């Protein structure tokens, strides 16, 4: 988890059984909410860490599966949406 205040905290991970999908949740003053995040692979995606620099600049890192192994996954929050970088 990482946040800029008690009303702006991010948590990341994965969800799913046969194929993992990224999971990002955001805590605001009213509680936790799931936030849509990209999944570049159909074979499995997982986020392992997050760093929030400001309310419009957060980074999440992990990996995604390919037919030949795993690749680094980096996602960025711009204040509106998460995108793969």
N, C-alpha and C. Protein backbone atom coordinates (compact mmCIF):
# COMPACT_ATOMS: atom_id res chain seq x y z
N UNK A 1 0.84 -1.18 0.00
CA UNK A 1 0.00 0.00 0.00
C UNK A 1 0.88 1.24 0.00
N UNK A 2 0.30 2.28 -0.56
CA UNK A 2 0.99 3.56 -0.58
C UNK A 2 -0.06 4.66 -0.71
N UNK A 3 0.19 5.79 -0.09
CA UNK A 3 -0.76 6.88 -0.19
C UNK A 3 -0.13 8.22 0.11
N UNK A 4 -0.85 9.26 -0.27
CA UNK A 4 -0.39 10.61 0.00
C UNK A 4 -1.04 11.19 1.25
N UNK A 5 -2.13 10.53 1.72
CA UNK A 5 -2.80 10.91 2.96
C UNK A 5 -3.71 9.76 3.36
N UNK A 6 -4.35 9.86 4.50
CA UNK A 6 -5.26 8.79 4.94
C UNK A 6 -6.50 8.71 4.06
N UNK A 7 -6.75 9.74 3.27
CA UNK A 7 -7.89 9.76 2.35
C UNK A 7 -7.48 9.48 0.91
N UNK A 8 -6.25 9.03 0.68
CA UNK A 8 -5.76 8.77 -0.67
C UNK A 8 -4.72 7.65 -0.60
N UNK A 9 -5.20 6.41 -0.50
CA UNK A 9 -4.32 5.25 -0.34
C UNK A 9 -4.63 4.22 -1.42
N UNK A 10 -3.57 3.66 -2.00
CA UNK A 10 -3.70 2.64 -3.05
C UNK A 10 -3.20 1.29 -2.53
N UNK A 11 -3.88 0.22 -2.95
CA UNK A 11 -3.44 -1.15 -2.68
C UNK A 11 -3.56 -1.93 -3.98
N UNK A 12 -2.58 -2.81 -4.25
CA UNK A 12 -2.59 -3.58 -5.50
C UNK A 12 -2.38 -5.06 -5.23
N UNK A 13 -2.72 -5.86 -6.22
CA UNK A 13 -2.53 -7.30 -6.13
C UNK A 13 -3.11 -7.96 -7.36
N UNK A 14 -3.75 -9.10 -7.15
CA UNK A 14 -4.36 -9.81 -8.27
C UNK A 14 -5.60 -10.54 -7.77
N UNK A 15 -6.43 -10.91 -8.71
CA UNK A 15 -7.64 -11.66 -8.42
C UNK A 15 -7.83 -12.72 -9.50
N UNK A 16 -8.52 -13.77 -9.18
CA UNK A 16 -8.77 -14.82 -10.15
C UNK A 16 -8.17 -16.14 -9.71
N UNK A 17 -8.58 -17.20 -10.40
CA UNK A 17 -8.10 -18.54 -10.06
C UNK A 17 -7.28 -19.12 -11.20
N UNK A 18 -7.89 -19.34 -12.35
CA UNK A 18 -7.17 -19.97 -13.45
C UNK A 18 -6.30 -18.98 -14.22
N UNK A 19 -6.68 -17.72 -14.23
CA UNK A 19 -5.90 -16.68 -14.90
C UNK A 19 -5.97 -15.42 -14.05
N UNK A 20 -4.84 -15.02 -13.48
CA UNK A 20 -4.80 -13.85 -12.62
C UNK A 20 -5.06 -12.57 -13.41
N UNK A 21 -5.75 -11.63 -12.79
CA UNK A 21 -6.00 -10.31 -13.34
C UNK A 21 -5.54 -9.28 -12.31
N UNK A 22 -5.10 -8.13 -12.78
CA UNK A 22 -4.66 -7.08 -11.87
C UNK A 22 -5.82 -6.63 -10.99
N UNK A 23 -5.48 -6.24 -9.77
CA UNK A 23 -6.46 -5.72 -8.83
C UNK A 23 -5.89 -4.45 -8.21
N UNK A 24 -6.62 -3.36 -8.35
CA UNK A 24 -6.22 -2.09 -7.73
C UNK A 24 -7.41 -1.55 -6.95
N UNK A 25 -7.16 -1.21 -5.69
CA UNK A 25 -8.19 -0.60 -4.86
C UNK A 25 -7.69 0.73 -4.33
N UNK A 26 -8.62 1.67 -4.19
CA UNK A 26 -8.29 3.03 -3.77
C UNK A 26 -9.14 3.37 -2.55
N UNK A 27 -8.47 3.85 -1.51
CA UNK A 27 -9.20 4.28 -0.31
C UNK A 27 -9.32 5.79 -0.32
N UNK A 28 -10.55 6.24 -0.20
CA UNK A 28 -10.82 7.66 -0.04
C UNK A 28 -11.43 7.84 1.35
N UNK A 29 -11.93 8.99 1.64
CA UNK A 29 -12.52 9.24 2.94
C UNK A 29 -13.75 8.41 3.23
N UNK A 30 -14.33 7.79 2.20
CA UNK A 30 -15.56 7.03 2.39
C UNK A 30 -15.34 5.52 2.36
N UNK A 31 -14.13 5.04 2.17
CA UNK A 31 -13.86 3.61 2.16
C UNK A 31 -13.08 3.18 0.93
N UNK A 32 -12.97 1.87 0.74
CA UNK A 32 -12.21 1.29 -0.36
C UNK A 32 -13.10 1.07 -1.57
N UNK A 33 -12.54 1.30 -2.77
CA UNK A 33 -13.27 1.07 -4.02
C UNK A 33 -12.32 0.43 -5.03
N UNK A 34 -12.81 -0.56 -5.75
CA UNK A 34 -12.05 -1.19 -6.82
C UNK A 34 -11.96 -0.23 -8.00
N UNK A 35 -10.75 -0.11 -8.58
CA UNK A 35 -10.52 0.79 -9.71
C UNK A 35 -10.12 -0.05 -10.92
N UNK A 36 -10.69 0.23 -12.06
CA UNK A 36 -10.37 -0.50 -13.29
C UNK A 36 -8.89 -0.35 -13.61
N UNK A 37 -8.26 -1.48 -13.96
CA UNK A 37 -6.84 -1.46 -14.30
C UNK A 37 -6.59 -2.36 -15.52
N UNK A 38 -5.58 -2.00 -16.33
CA UNK A 38 -5.28 -2.78 -17.54
C UNK A 38 -4.75 -4.17 -17.22
N UNK A 39 -5.05 -5.10 -18.11
CA UNK A 39 -4.52 -6.47 -18.07
C UNK A 39 -3.99 -6.80 -19.46
N UNK A 40 -2.69 -6.62 -19.68
CA UNK A 40 -2.15 -6.79 -21.03
C UNK A 40 -2.09 -8.23 -21.53
N UNK A 41 -2.23 -9.20 -20.65
CA UNK A 41 -2.10 -10.60 -21.06
C UNK A 41 -3.37 -11.38 -20.79
N UNK A 42 -3.66 -12.35 -21.63
CA UNK A 42 -4.76 -13.26 -21.36
C UNK A 42 -4.27 -14.45 -20.55
N UNK A 43 -2.96 -14.54 -20.33
CA UNK A 43 -2.36 -15.66 -19.60
C UNK A 43 -2.17 -15.38 -18.12
N UNK A 44 -2.28 -14.13 -17.71
CA UNK A 44 -2.14 -13.80 -16.29
C UNK A 44 -1.38 -12.51 -16.07
N UNK A 45 -1.89 -11.70 -15.16
CA UNK A 45 -1.30 -10.41 -14.81
C UNK A 45 -1.33 -10.26 -13.30
N UNK A 46 -0.27 -9.70 -12.73
CA UNK A 46 -0.24 -9.52 -11.29
C UNK A 46 0.53 -8.25 -10.94
N UNK A 47 0.00 -7.49 -9.99
CA UNK A 47 0.69 -6.31 -9.47
C UNK A 47 1.23 -6.64 -8.08
N UNK A 48 2.47 -6.23 -7.83
CA UNK A 48 3.15 -6.59 -6.59
C UNK A 48 3.45 -5.40 -5.69
N UNK A 49 3.47 -4.19 -6.24
CA UNK A 49 3.79 -3.01 -5.44
C UNK A 49 3.22 -1.76 -6.05
N UNK A 50 3.07 -0.73 -5.21
CA UNK A 50 2.53 0.55 -5.67
C UNK A 50 3.22 1.68 -4.92
N UNK A 51 3.41 2.81 -5.61
CA UNK A 51 3.97 4.02 -5.00
C UNK A 51 3.15 5.21 -5.46
N UNK A 52 2.55 5.92 -4.51
CA UNK A 52 1.77 7.11 -4.82
C UNK A 52 2.62 8.33 -4.51
N UNK A 53 2.92 9.11 -5.53
CA UNK A 53 3.73 10.32 -5.35
C UNK A 53 2.87 11.53 -5.04
N UNK A 54 1.76 11.64 -5.78
CA UNK A 54 0.76 12.69 -5.56
C UNK A 54 -0.60 12.06 -5.86
N UNK A 55 -1.66 12.83 -5.72
CA UNK A 55 -2.99 12.30 -6.00
C UNK A 55 -3.20 12.02 -7.48
N UNK A 56 -2.35 12.57 -8.34
CA UNK A 56 -2.47 12.33 -9.78
C UNK A 56 -1.22 11.67 -10.38
N UNK A 57 -0.42 11.07 -9.53
CA UNK A 57 0.81 10.42 -10.01
C UNK A 57 1.15 9.22 -9.12
N UNK A 58 0.67 8.05 -9.53
CA UNK A 58 0.95 6.82 -8.80
C UNK A 58 1.43 5.76 -9.80
N UNK A 59 2.29 4.86 -9.32
CA UNK A 59 2.87 3.82 -10.16
C UNK A 59 2.69 2.46 -9.51
N UNK A 60 2.33 1.47 -10.32
CA UNK A 60 2.20 0.10 -9.83
C UNK A 60 3.09 -0.79 -10.69
N UNK A 61 3.71 -1.79 -10.07
CA UNK A 61 4.61 -2.68 -10.80
C UNK A 61 4.26 -4.14 -10.51
N UNK A 62 4.57 -4.98 -11.47
CA UNK A 62 4.32 -6.40 -11.33
C UNK A 62 4.81 -7.12 -12.57
N UNK A 63 4.03 -8.10 -13.02
CA UNK A 63 4.42 -8.84 -14.22
C UNK A 63 3.19 -9.37 -14.94
N UNK A 64 3.41 -9.71 -16.22
CA UNK A 64 2.37 -10.38 -16.99
C UNK A 64 2.99 -11.58 -17.69
N UNK A 65 2.17 -12.58 -17.92
CA UNK A 65 2.65 -13.83 -18.50
C UNK A 65 2.57 -13.77 -20.03
N UNK A 66 3.57 -14.38 -20.67
CA UNK A 66 3.57 -14.54 -22.12
C UNK A 66 3.75 -16.03 -22.40
N UNK A 67 3.72 -16.41 -23.64
CA UNK A 67 3.94 -17.80 -23.99
C UNK A 67 5.34 -18.28 -23.68
N UNK A 68 6.28 -17.34 -23.50
CA UNK A 68 7.67 -17.72 -23.25
C UNK A 68 8.18 -17.30 -21.87
N UNK A 69 7.28 -16.90 -20.98
CA UNK A 69 7.71 -16.52 -19.64
C UNK A 69 6.97 -15.30 -19.12
N UNK A 70 7.62 -14.54 -18.26
CA UNK A 70 7.01 -13.36 -17.66
C UNK A 70 7.74 -12.10 -18.11
N UNK A 71 6.99 -11.01 -18.18
CA UNK A 71 7.54 -9.71 -18.54
C UNK A 71 7.14 -8.70 -17.47
N UNK A 72 7.93 -7.66 -17.32
CA UNK A 72 7.65 -6.60 -16.36
C UNK A 72 6.39 -5.83 -16.77
N UNK A 73 5.56 -5.54 -15.78
CA UNK A 73 4.35 -4.75 -16.00
C UNK A 73 4.45 -3.49 -15.15
N UNK A 74 4.33 -2.34 -15.80
CA UNK A 74 4.34 -1.05 -15.11
C UNK A 74 3.06 -0.32 -15.50
N UNK A 75 2.32 0.12 -14.50
CA UNK A 75 1.09 0.86 -14.75
C UNK A 75 1.17 2.21 -14.04
N UNK A 76 0.52 3.22 -14.64
CA UNK A 76 0.57 4.59 -14.11
C UNK A 76 -0.84 5.16 -13.93
N UNK A 77 -1.06 5.84 -12.81
CA UNK A 77 -2.30 6.56 -12.53
C UNK A 77 -2.07 8.04 -12.81
N UNK A 78 -2.90 8.63 -13.66
CA UNK A 78 -2.75 10.04 -14.02
C UNK A 78 -3.81 10.94 -13.38
N UNK A 79 -4.51 10.42 -12.39
CA UNK A 79 -5.57 11.17 -11.74
C UNK A 79 -6.94 10.81 -12.27
N UNK A 80 -6.97 10.13 -13.43
CA UNK A 80 -8.23 9.74 -14.05
C UNK A 80 -8.31 8.25 -14.30
N UNK A 81 -7.20 7.65 -14.80
CA UNK A 81 -7.21 6.24 -15.17
C UNK A 81 -5.81 5.65 -15.06
N UNK A 82 -5.76 4.29 -14.93
CA UNK A 82 -4.51 3.55 -14.95
C UNK A 82 -4.20 3.16 -16.39
N UNK A 83 -2.93 3.23 -16.79
CA UNK A 83 -2.52 2.82 -18.13
C UNK A 83 -1.19 2.07 -18.04
N UNK A 84 -0.94 1.21 -19.01
CA UNK A 84 0.32 0.46 -19.08
C UNK A 84 1.39 1.38 -19.67
N UNK A 85 2.56 1.35 -19.08
CA UNK A 85 3.69 2.17 -19.56
C UNK A 85 4.79 1.29 -20.09
